[in-house]
Amino acid sequence: MPDTDFSVCSLMRERPEVAARFVRYYLDLGAGHIFVYWDGPPGDAVTAAVAALGQPQRVTLTACDAGFRHRLGLDPAVIALEQLQNAVYRHAFAHCATGWMFFCDSDEFLTGPQPVADLLGAVPDDVAALRLRNLEAVWGPDDTFG
């Protein structure tokens, strides 16, 4: 039987309400775990916003500070975004306990005519990766265009 459990990973630098909206969306979609790698300024606002969702066992929030980058083998002084993305994706994948992991930006939302678990259940066992369509650059009521 195909594995239908999935996790989500995102490297982000967003306002707390945007980070919380992303996490809530994927919790509601049925993600078994969400890995958020925070690349923004230090502070407790994002931690508080994610904690307020009440799902600590399903969400890991990791600060991409100099110490974390060093533990990943990256030079914090000369790192490119693509290097950090690759490193955090490998880190999340190494800690993933579900059969699937989606890598999404904070403005990318998977959507479709059927639940994600049903879609994954129809994937043949010999398929190791998928590319799914998503909604991107979703604007909220308080966002300013331009």
N, C-alpha and C. Protein backbone atom coordinates (compact mmCIF):
# COMPACT_ATOMS: atom_id res chain seq x y z
N MET A 1 0.84 -1.18 0.00
CA MET A 1 0.00 0.00 0.00
C MET A 1 0.89 1.24 0.00
N PRO A 2 0.60 2.21 -0.89
CA PRO A 2 1.43 3.42 -0.96
C PRO A 2 1.35 4.24 0.32
N ASP A 3 2.45 4.91 0.62
CA ASP A 3 2.52 5.78 1.80
C ASP A 3 1.84 7.11 1.46
N THR A 4 0.92 7.54 2.31
CA THR A 4 0.21 8.80 2.07
C THR A 4 0.56 9.86 3.10
N ASP A 5 1.44 9.54 4.04
CA ASP A 5 1.86 10.53 5.05
C ASP A 5 2.87 11.49 4.43
N PHE A 6 2.74 12.77 4.75
CA PHE A 6 3.66 13.75 4.19
C PHE A 6 4.05 14.81 5.20
N SER A 7 5.21 15.39 4.97
CA SER A 7 5.73 16.52 5.73
C SER A 7 5.95 17.68 4.78
N VAL A 8 6.14 18.86 5.34
CA VAL A 8 6.38 20.07 4.56
C VAL A 8 7.60 20.77 5.15
N CYS A 9 8.43 21.32 4.27
CA CYS A 9 9.62 22.06 4.70
C CYS A 9 9.63 23.41 4.01
N SER A 10 9.93 24.46 4.78
CA SER A 10 10.03 25.79 4.20
C SER A 10 11.12 26.60 4.89
N LEU A 11 11.92 27.26 4.09
CA LEU A 11 12.87 28.25 4.56
C LEU A 11 12.21 29.60 4.35
N MET A 12 12.04 30.37 5.42
CA MET A 12 11.29 31.61 5.25
C MET A 12 11.83 32.75 6.09
N ARG A 13 11.46 33.93 5.64
CA ARG A 13 11.69 35.19 6.36
C ARG A 13 10.44 36.03 6.11
N GLU A 14 9.48 35.86 7.00
CA GLU A 14 8.16 36.48 6.81
C GLU A 14 7.68 37.13 8.10
N ARG A 15 6.61 37.87 8.00
CA ARG A 15 5.95 38.39 9.19
C ARG A 15 5.37 37.21 9.96
N PRO A 16 5.23 37.33 11.27
CA PRO A 16 4.70 36.22 12.07
C PRO A 16 3.36 35.69 11.58
N GLU A 17 2.46 36.57 11.18
CA GLU A 17 1.14 36.12 10.73
C GLU A 17 1.22 35.33 9.42
N VAL A 18 2.19 35.65 8.58
CA VAL A 18 2.37 34.90 7.33
C VAL A 18 2.92 33.51 7.63
N ALA A 19 3.89 33.45 8.53
CA ALA A 19 4.44 32.14 8.92
C ALA A 19 3.34 31.28 9.55
N ALA A 20 2.54 31.86 10.42
CA ALA A 20 1.46 31.11 11.07
C ALA A 20 0.41 30.67 10.06
N ARG A 21 0.10 31.51 9.09
CA ARG A 21 -0.88 31.14 8.05
C ARG A 21 -0.38 29.96 7.26
N PHE A 22 0.90 29.94 6.90
CA PHE A 22 1.51 28.84 6.17
C PHE A 22 1.40 27.54 6.98
N VAL A 23 1.82 27.60 8.24
CA VAL A 23 1.79 26.41 9.09
C VAL A 23 0.36 25.91 9.27
N ARG A 24 -0.57 26.80 9.56
CA ARG A 24 -1.97 26.41 9.76
C ARG A 24 -2.52 25.73 8.49
N TYR A 25 -2.21 26.29 7.33
CA TYR A 25 -2.71 25.71 6.07
C TYR A 25 -2.27 24.26 5.93
N TYR A 26 -0.99 24.00 6.16
CA TYR A 26 -0.49 22.64 5.98
C TYR A 26 -0.89 21.71 7.11
N LEU A 27 -1.09 22.22 8.31
CA LEU A 27 -1.67 21.38 9.37
C LEU A 27 -3.07 20.95 8.97
N ASP A 28 -3.87 21.89 8.49
CA ASP A 28 -5.24 21.59 8.07
C ASP A 28 -5.27 20.66 6.86
N LEU A 29 -4.24 20.73 6.02
CA LEU A 29 -4.16 19.86 4.84
C LEU A 29 -3.80 18.43 5.23
N GLY A 30 -3.30 18.25 6.45
CA GLY A 30 -3.00 16.91 6.93
C GLY A 30 -1.52 16.57 7.03
N ALA A 31 -0.66 17.57 6.95
CA ALA A 31 0.79 17.30 7.07
C ALA A 31 1.08 16.64 8.40
N GLY A 32 1.88 15.58 8.36
CA GLY A 32 2.29 14.91 9.58
C GLY A 32 3.28 15.75 10.37
N HIS A 33 4.10 16.51 9.65
CA HIS A 33 5.08 17.37 10.30
C HIS A 33 5.41 18.55 9.38
N ILE A 34 5.70 19.68 9.99
CA ILE A 34 6.10 20.88 9.24
C ILE A 34 7.41 21.37 9.81
N PHE A 35 8.40 21.49 8.94
CA PHE A 35 9.71 22.01 9.31
C PHE A 35 9.80 23.45 8.80
N VAL A 36 9.87 24.40 9.70
CA VAL A 36 10.03 25.81 9.33
C VAL A 36 11.44 26.21 9.74
N TYR A 37 12.21 26.64 8.75
CA TYR A 37 13.56 27.15 9.00
C TYR A 37 13.47 28.66 8.87
N TRP A 38 13.65 29.33 10.01
CA TRP A 38 13.46 30.78 10.09
C TRP A 38 14.76 31.49 9.78
N ASP A 39 14.77 32.27 8.69
CA ASP A 39 15.95 33.00 8.26
C ASP A 39 15.76 34.50 8.45
N GLY A 40 14.94 34.87 9.39
CA GLY A 40 14.69 36.28 9.65
C GLY A 40 15.42 36.75 10.89
N PRO A 41 15.15 37.98 11.27
CA PRO A 41 15.80 38.52 12.46
C PRO A 41 15.37 37.73 13.70
N PRO A 42 16.26 37.63 14.67
CA PRO A 42 15.90 36.89 15.88
C PRO A 42 14.76 37.59 16.62
N GLY A 43 14.03 36.82 17.35
CA GLY A 43 12.91 37.36 18.11
C GLY A 43 11.91 36.29 18.41
N ASP A 44 10.98 36.61 19.28
CA ASP A 44 10.02 35.62 19.73
C ASP A 44 8.67 35.70 19.01
N ALA A 45 8.47 36.67 18.13
CA ALA A 45 7.16 36.86 17.52
C ALA A 45 6.75 35.67 16.66
N VAL A 46 7.66 35.15 15.85
CA VAL A 46 7.32 34.00 15.00
C VAL A 46 7.13 32.77 15.86
N THR A 47 7.99 32.57 16.85
CA THR A 47 7.85 31.43 17.75
C THR A 47 6.49 31.47 18.43
N ALA A 48 6.08 32.63 18.90
CA ALA A 48 4.79 32.77 19.57
C ALA A 48 3.63 32.51 18.61
N ALA A 49 3.73 33.02 17.39
CA ALA A 49 2.66 32.84 16.41
C ALA A 49 2.48 31.36 16.05
N VAL A 50 3.59 30.65 15.88
CA VAL A 50 3.51 29.23 15.55
C VAL A 50 3.06 28.44 16.77
N ALA A 51 3.56 28.77 17.94
CA ALA A 51 3.17 28.07 19.17
C ALA A 51 1.68 28.24 19.45
N ALA A 52 1.11 29.38 19.09
CA ALA A 52 -0.30 29.64 19.33
C ALA A 52 -1.20 28.69 18.54
N LEU A 53 -0.66 28.03 17.54
CA LEU A 53 -1.45 27.07 16.76
C LEU A 53 -1.69 25.78 17.53
N GLY A 54 -0.92 25.56 18.59
CA GLY A 54 -1.17 24.44 19.48
C GLY A 54 -0.82 23.07 18.94
N GLN A 55 0.16 22.98 18.08
CA GLN A 55 0.56 21.69 17.50
C GLN A 55 2.06 21.47 17.63
N PRO A 56 2.63 21.60 18.83
CA PRO A 56 4.10 21.55 18.94
C PRO A 56 4.71 20.22 18.49
N GLN A 57 3.98 19.13 18.59
CA GLN A 57 4.52 17.85 18.16
C GLN A 57 4.56 17.72 16.64
N ARG A 58 3.86 18.59 15.94
CA ARG A 58 3.81 18.51 14.47
C ARG A 58 4.59 19.63 13.78
N VAL A 59 5.19 20.54 14.53
CA VAL A 59 5.89 21.68 13.92
C VAL A 59 7.27 21.83 14.57
N THR A 60 8.29 21.92 13.74
CA THR A 60 9.64 22.21 14.21
C THR A 60 10.04 23.56 13.63
N LEU A 61 10.35 24.52 14.51
CA LEU A 61 10.79 25.85 14.09
C LEU A 61 12.26 25.97 14.45
N THR A 62 13.09 26.15 13.42
CA THR A 62 14.54 26.21 13.60
C THR A 62 15.06 27.55 13.12
N ALA A 63 15.79 28.25 13.98
CA ALA A 63 16.41 29.52 13.60
C ALA A 63 17.68 29.24 12.80
N CYS A 64 17.80 29.87 11.66
CA CYS A 64 18.98 29.71 10.80
C CYS A 64 20.04 30.74 11.20
N ASP A 65 20.40 30.73 12.46
CA ASP A 65 21.39 31.67 12.95
C ASP A 65 22.80 31.16 12.63
N ALA A 66 23.80 31.92 13.03
CA ALA A 66 25.19 31.57 12.71
C ALA A 66 25.57 30.20 13.27
N GLY A 67 25.12 29.87 14.48
CA GLY A 67 25.44 28.58 15.07
C GLY A 67 24.85 27.43 14.28
N PHE A 68 23.59 27.57 13.85
CA PHE A 68 22.96 26.52 13.06
C PHE A 68 23.66 26.36 11.72
N ARG A 69 23.97 27.48 11.07
CA ARG A 69 24.68 27.42 9.78
C ARG A 69 26.04 26.74 9.94
N HIS A 70 26.71 27.04 11.04
CA HIS A 70 28.01 26.41 11.30
C HIS A 70 27.85 24.90 11.48
N ARG A 71 26.82 24.48 12.22
CA ARG A 71 26.57 23.05 12.43
C ARG A 71 26.27 22.34 11.12
N LEU A 72 25.72 23.05 10.16
CA LEU A 72 25.45 22.47 8.85
C LEU A 72 26.68 22.47 7.95
N GLY A 73 27.78 23.03 8.45
CA GLY A 73 29.01 23.08 7.66
C GLY A 73 29.07 24.26 6.71
N LEU A 74 28.28 25.29 6.97
CA LEU A 74 28.25 26.47 6.11
C LEU A 74 28.99 27.61 6.77
N ASP A 75 29.67 28.40 5.98
CA ASP A 75 30.34 29.59 6.49
C ASP A 75 29.30 30.69 6.60
N PRO A 76 28.91 31.08 7.80
CA PRO A 76 27.84 32.08 7.96
C PRO A 76 28.14 33.41 7.30
N ALA A 77 29.38 33.71 7.05
CA ALA A 77 29.74 35.02 6.48
C ALA A 77 29.56 35.07 4.96
N VAL A 78 29.64 33.95 4.27
CA VAL A 78 29.62 33.97 2.80
C VAL A 78 28.64 32.96 2.21
N ILE A 79 27.48 32.90 2.75
CA ILE A 79 26.54 31.90 2.27
C ILE A 79 25.53 32.49 1.30
N ALA A 80 25.30 31.78 0.21
CA ALA A 80 24.29 32.16 -0.77
C ALA A 80 22.96 31.50 -0.38
N LEU A 81 21.87 32.11 -0.77
CA LEU A 81 20.55 31.58 -0.44
C LEU A 81 20.40 30.13 -0.92
N GLU A 82 20.86 29.85 -2.12
CA GLU A 82 20.72 28.50 -2.66
C GLU A 82 21.47 27.47 -1.82
N GLN A 83 22.62 27.85 -1.28
CA GLN A 83 23.37 26.94 -0.40
C GLN A 83 22.58 26.68 0.88
N LEU A 84 22.00 27.72 1.45
CA LEU A 84 21.23 27.55 2.67
C LEU A 84 19.99 26.70 2.39
N GLN A 85 19.30 26.95 1.28
CA GLN A 85 18.14 26.14 0.93
C GLN A 85 18.52 24.66 0.84
N ASN A 86 19.57 24.37 0.13
CA ASN A 86 20.02 23.00 -0.03
C ASN A 86 20.34 22.37 1.32
N ALA A 87 21.03 23.10 2.18
CA ALA A 87 21.42 22.58 3.48
C ALA A 87 20.20 22.32 4.38
N VAL A 88 19.25 23.24 4.42
CA VAL A 88 18.08 23.02 5.28
C VAL A 88 17.19 21.92 4.72
N TYR A 89 17.10 21.80 3.41
CA TYR A 89 16.30 20.72 2.84
C TYR A 89 16.90 19.37 3.20
N ARG A 90 18.23 19.27 3.12
CA ARG A 90 18.89 18.01 3.52
C ARG A 90 18.69 17.75 5.01
N HIS A 91 18.76 18.80 5.82
CA HIS A 91 18.56 18.66 7.26
C HIS A 91 17.15 18.16 7.57
N ALA A 92 16.15 18.77 6.96
CA ALA A 92 14.76 18.36 7.18
C ALA A 92 14.54 16.94 6.70
N PHE A 93 15.07 16.62 5.54
CA PHE A 93 14.89 15.28 4.98
C PHE A 93 15.49 14.22 5.91
N ALA A 94 16.62 14.53 6.51
CA ALA A 94 17.27 13.60 7.43
C ALA A 94 16.43 13.37 8.69
N HIS A 95 15.56 14.32 9.04
CA HIS A 95 14.72 14.21 10.23
C HIS A 95 13.27 13.86 9.91
N CYS A 96 12.99 13.62 8.65
CA CYS A 96 11.62 13.36 8.20
C CYS A 96 11.23 11.91 8.51
N ALA A 97 10.07 11.73 9.12
CA ALA A 97 9.58 10.40 9.46
C ALA A 97 8.38 9.98 8.59
N THR A 98 8.03 10.80 7.61
CA THR A 98 6.91 10.46 6.73
C THR A 98 7.44 9.97 5.39
N GLY A 99 6.56 9.41 4.60
CA GLY A 99 6.95 8.87 3.30
C GLY A 99 7.23 9.91 2.24
N TRP A 100 6.68 11.10 2.41
CA TRP A 100 6.83 12.17 1.43
C TRP A 100 7.20 13.46 2.14
N MET A 101 7.94 14.31 1.44
CA MET A 101 8.22 15.65 1.94
C MET A 101 8.06 16.64 0.80
N PHE A 102 7.30 17.69 1.07
CA PHE A 102 7.13 18.78 0.11
C PHE A 102 8.00 19.94 0.54
N PHE A 103 8.70 20.54 -0.42
CA PHE A 103 9.51 21.72 -0.17
C PHE A 103 8.77 22.90 -0.77
N CYS A 104 8.36 23.84 0.06
CA CYS A 104 7.51 24.95 -0.38
C CYS A 104 8.06 26.27 0.15
N ASP A 105 7.92 27.31 -0.64
CA ASP A 105 8.15 28.65 -0.15
C ASP A 105 6.96 29.05 0.71
N SER A 106 7.13 30.08 1.49
CA SER A 106 6.06 30.49 2.42
C SER A 106 4.83 31.03 1.71
N ASP A 107 4.93 31.31 0.42
CA ASP A 107 3.77 31.78 -0.34
C ASP A 107 3.27 30.71 -1.31
N GLU A 108 3.65 29.46 -1.11
CA GLU A 108 3.22 28.37 -1.98
C GLU A 108 2.27 27.45 -1.21
N PHE A 109 1.10 27.23 -1.82
CA PHE A 109 0.07 26.43 -1.18
C PHE A 109 -0.40 25.36 -2.15
N LEU A 110 -0.26 24.10 -1.76
CA LEU A 110 -0.74 22.99 -2.58
C LEU A 110 -2.26 22.98 -2.56
N THR A 111 -2.85 22.81 -3.71
CA THR A 111 -4.29 22.76 -3.81
C THR A 111 -4.66 21.88 -4.98
N GLY A 112 -5.82 21.31 -4.94
CA GLY A 112 -6.25 20.47 -6.04
C GLY A 112 -7.63 19.90 -5.80
N PRO A 113 -8.09 19.10 -6.76
CA PRO A 113 -9.46 18.58 -6.69
C PRO A 113 -9.63 17.42 -5.71
N GLN A 114 -8.54 16.92 -5.14
CA GLN A 114 -8.64 15.80 -4.19
C GLN A 114 -7.67 16.02 -3.04
N PRO A 115 -7.95 15.39 -1.90
CA PRO A 115 -7.03 15.52 -0.77
C PRO A 115 -5.63 14.99 -1.12
N VAL A 116 -4.61 15.60 -0.51
CA VAL A 116 -3.23 15.21 -0.78
C VAL A 116 -3.02 13.72 -0.50
N ALA A 117 -3.59 13.20 0.57
CA ALA A 117 -3.43 11.78 0.90
C ALA A 117 -3.98 10.90 -0.22
N ASP A 118 -5.10 11.27 -0.82
CA ASP A 118 -5.66 10.49 -1.93
C ASP A 118 -4.73 10.53 -3.13
N LEU A 119 -4.18 11.70 -3.42
CA LEU A 119 -3.24 11.84 -4.53
C LEU A 119 -2.01 10.96 -4.30
N LEU A 120 -1.45 11.02 -3.11
CA LEU A 120 -0.26 10.23 -2.80
C LEU A 120 -0.57 8.73 -2.81
N GLY A 121 -1.77 8.36 -2.41
CA GLY A 121 -2.17 6.96 -2.41
C GLY A 121 -2.25 6.37 -3.79
N ALA A 122 -2.40 7.21 -4.81
CA ALA A 122 -2.49 6.74 -6.19
C ALA A 122 -1.13 6.68 -6.89
N VAL A 123 -0.08 7.12 -6.22
CA VAL A 123 1.25 7.13 -6.83
C VAL A 123 1.83 5.71 -6.77
N PRO A 124 2.27 5.18 -7.90
CA PRO A 124 2.89 3.84 -7.89
C PRO A 124 4.11 3.79 -6.97
N ASP A 125 4.35 2.64 -6.38
CA ASP A 125 5.45 2.47 -5.43
C ASP A 125 6.82 2.77 -6.03
N ASP A 126 6.97 2.64 -7.35
CA ASP A 126 8.28 2.85 -7.97
C ASP A 126 8.55 4.32 -8.31
N VAL A 127 7.62 5.22 -7.99
CA VAL A 127 7.82 6.65 -8.22
C VAL A 127 8.41 7.27 -6.95
N ALA A 128 9.59 7.85 -7.09
CA ALA A 128 10.31 8.38 -5.93
C ALA A 128 10.11 9.86 -5.69
N ALA A 129 9.60 10.59 -6.69
CA ALA A 129 9.46 12.04 -6.55
C ALA A 129 8.30 12.52 -7.41
N LEU A 130 7.69 13.61 -6.97
CA LEU A 130 6.59 14.24 -7.70
C LEU A 130 6.84 15.73 -7.78
N ARG A 131 6.26 16.34 -8.78
CA ARG A 131 6.20 17.80 -8.84
C ARG A 131 4.73 18.15 -8.92
N LEU A 132 4.25 18.88 -7.92
CA LEU A 132 2.84 19.23 -7.87
C LEU A 132 2.65 20.71 -8.15
N ARG A 133 1.52 21.00 -8.79
CA ARG A 133 1.18 22.41 -9.01
C ARG A 133 0.77 23.03 -7.69
N ASN A 134 1.00 24.30 -7.58
CA ASN A 134 0.68 25.01 -6.35
C ASN A 134 0.17 26.40 -6.68
N LEU A 135 -0.45 27.00 -5.70
CA LEU A 135 -0.79 28.42 -5.79
C LEU A 135 0.37 29.19 -5.19
N GLU A 136 0.78 30.25 -5.85
CA GLU A 136 1.94 31.00 -5.38
C GLU A 136 1.63 32.48 -5.35
N ALA A 137 2.35 33.17 -4.48
CA ALA A 137 2.20 34.62 -4.32
C ALA A 137 0.75 34.97 -4.00
N VAL A 138 0.24 34.33 -2.97
CA VAL A 138 -1.11 34.61 -2.51
C VAL A 138 -1.06 35.86 -1.65
N TRP A 139 -1.89 36.84 -1.99
CA TRP A 139 -1.88 38.11 -1.27
C TRP A 139 -2.98 38.12 -0.23
N GLY A 140 -2.69 38.62 0.93
CA GLY A 140 -3.65 38.73 2.01
C GLY A 140 -4.30 40.10 2.03
N PRO A 141 -5.31 40.28 2.86
CA PRO A 141 -6.03 41.55 2.90
C PRO A 141 -5.18 42.73 3.35
N ASP A 142 -4.13 42.50 4.11
CA ASP A 142 -3.29 43.60 4.59
C ASP A 142 -2.01 43.79 3.77
N ASP A 143 -1.84 43.00 2.70
CA ASP A 143 -0.65 43.10 1.88
C ASP A 143 -0.76 44.27 0.91
N THR A 144 0.36 44.89 0.61
CA THR A 144 0.40 46.01 -0.32
C THR A 144 1.07 45.54 -1.60
N PHE A 145 0.41 45.75 -2.73
CA PHE A 145 0.99 45.36 -4.01
C PHE A 145 2.08 46.35 -4.40
N GLY A 146 3.09 45.82 -5.11
CA GLY A 146 4.18 46.66 -5.60
C GLY A 146 5.27 46.71 -4.62
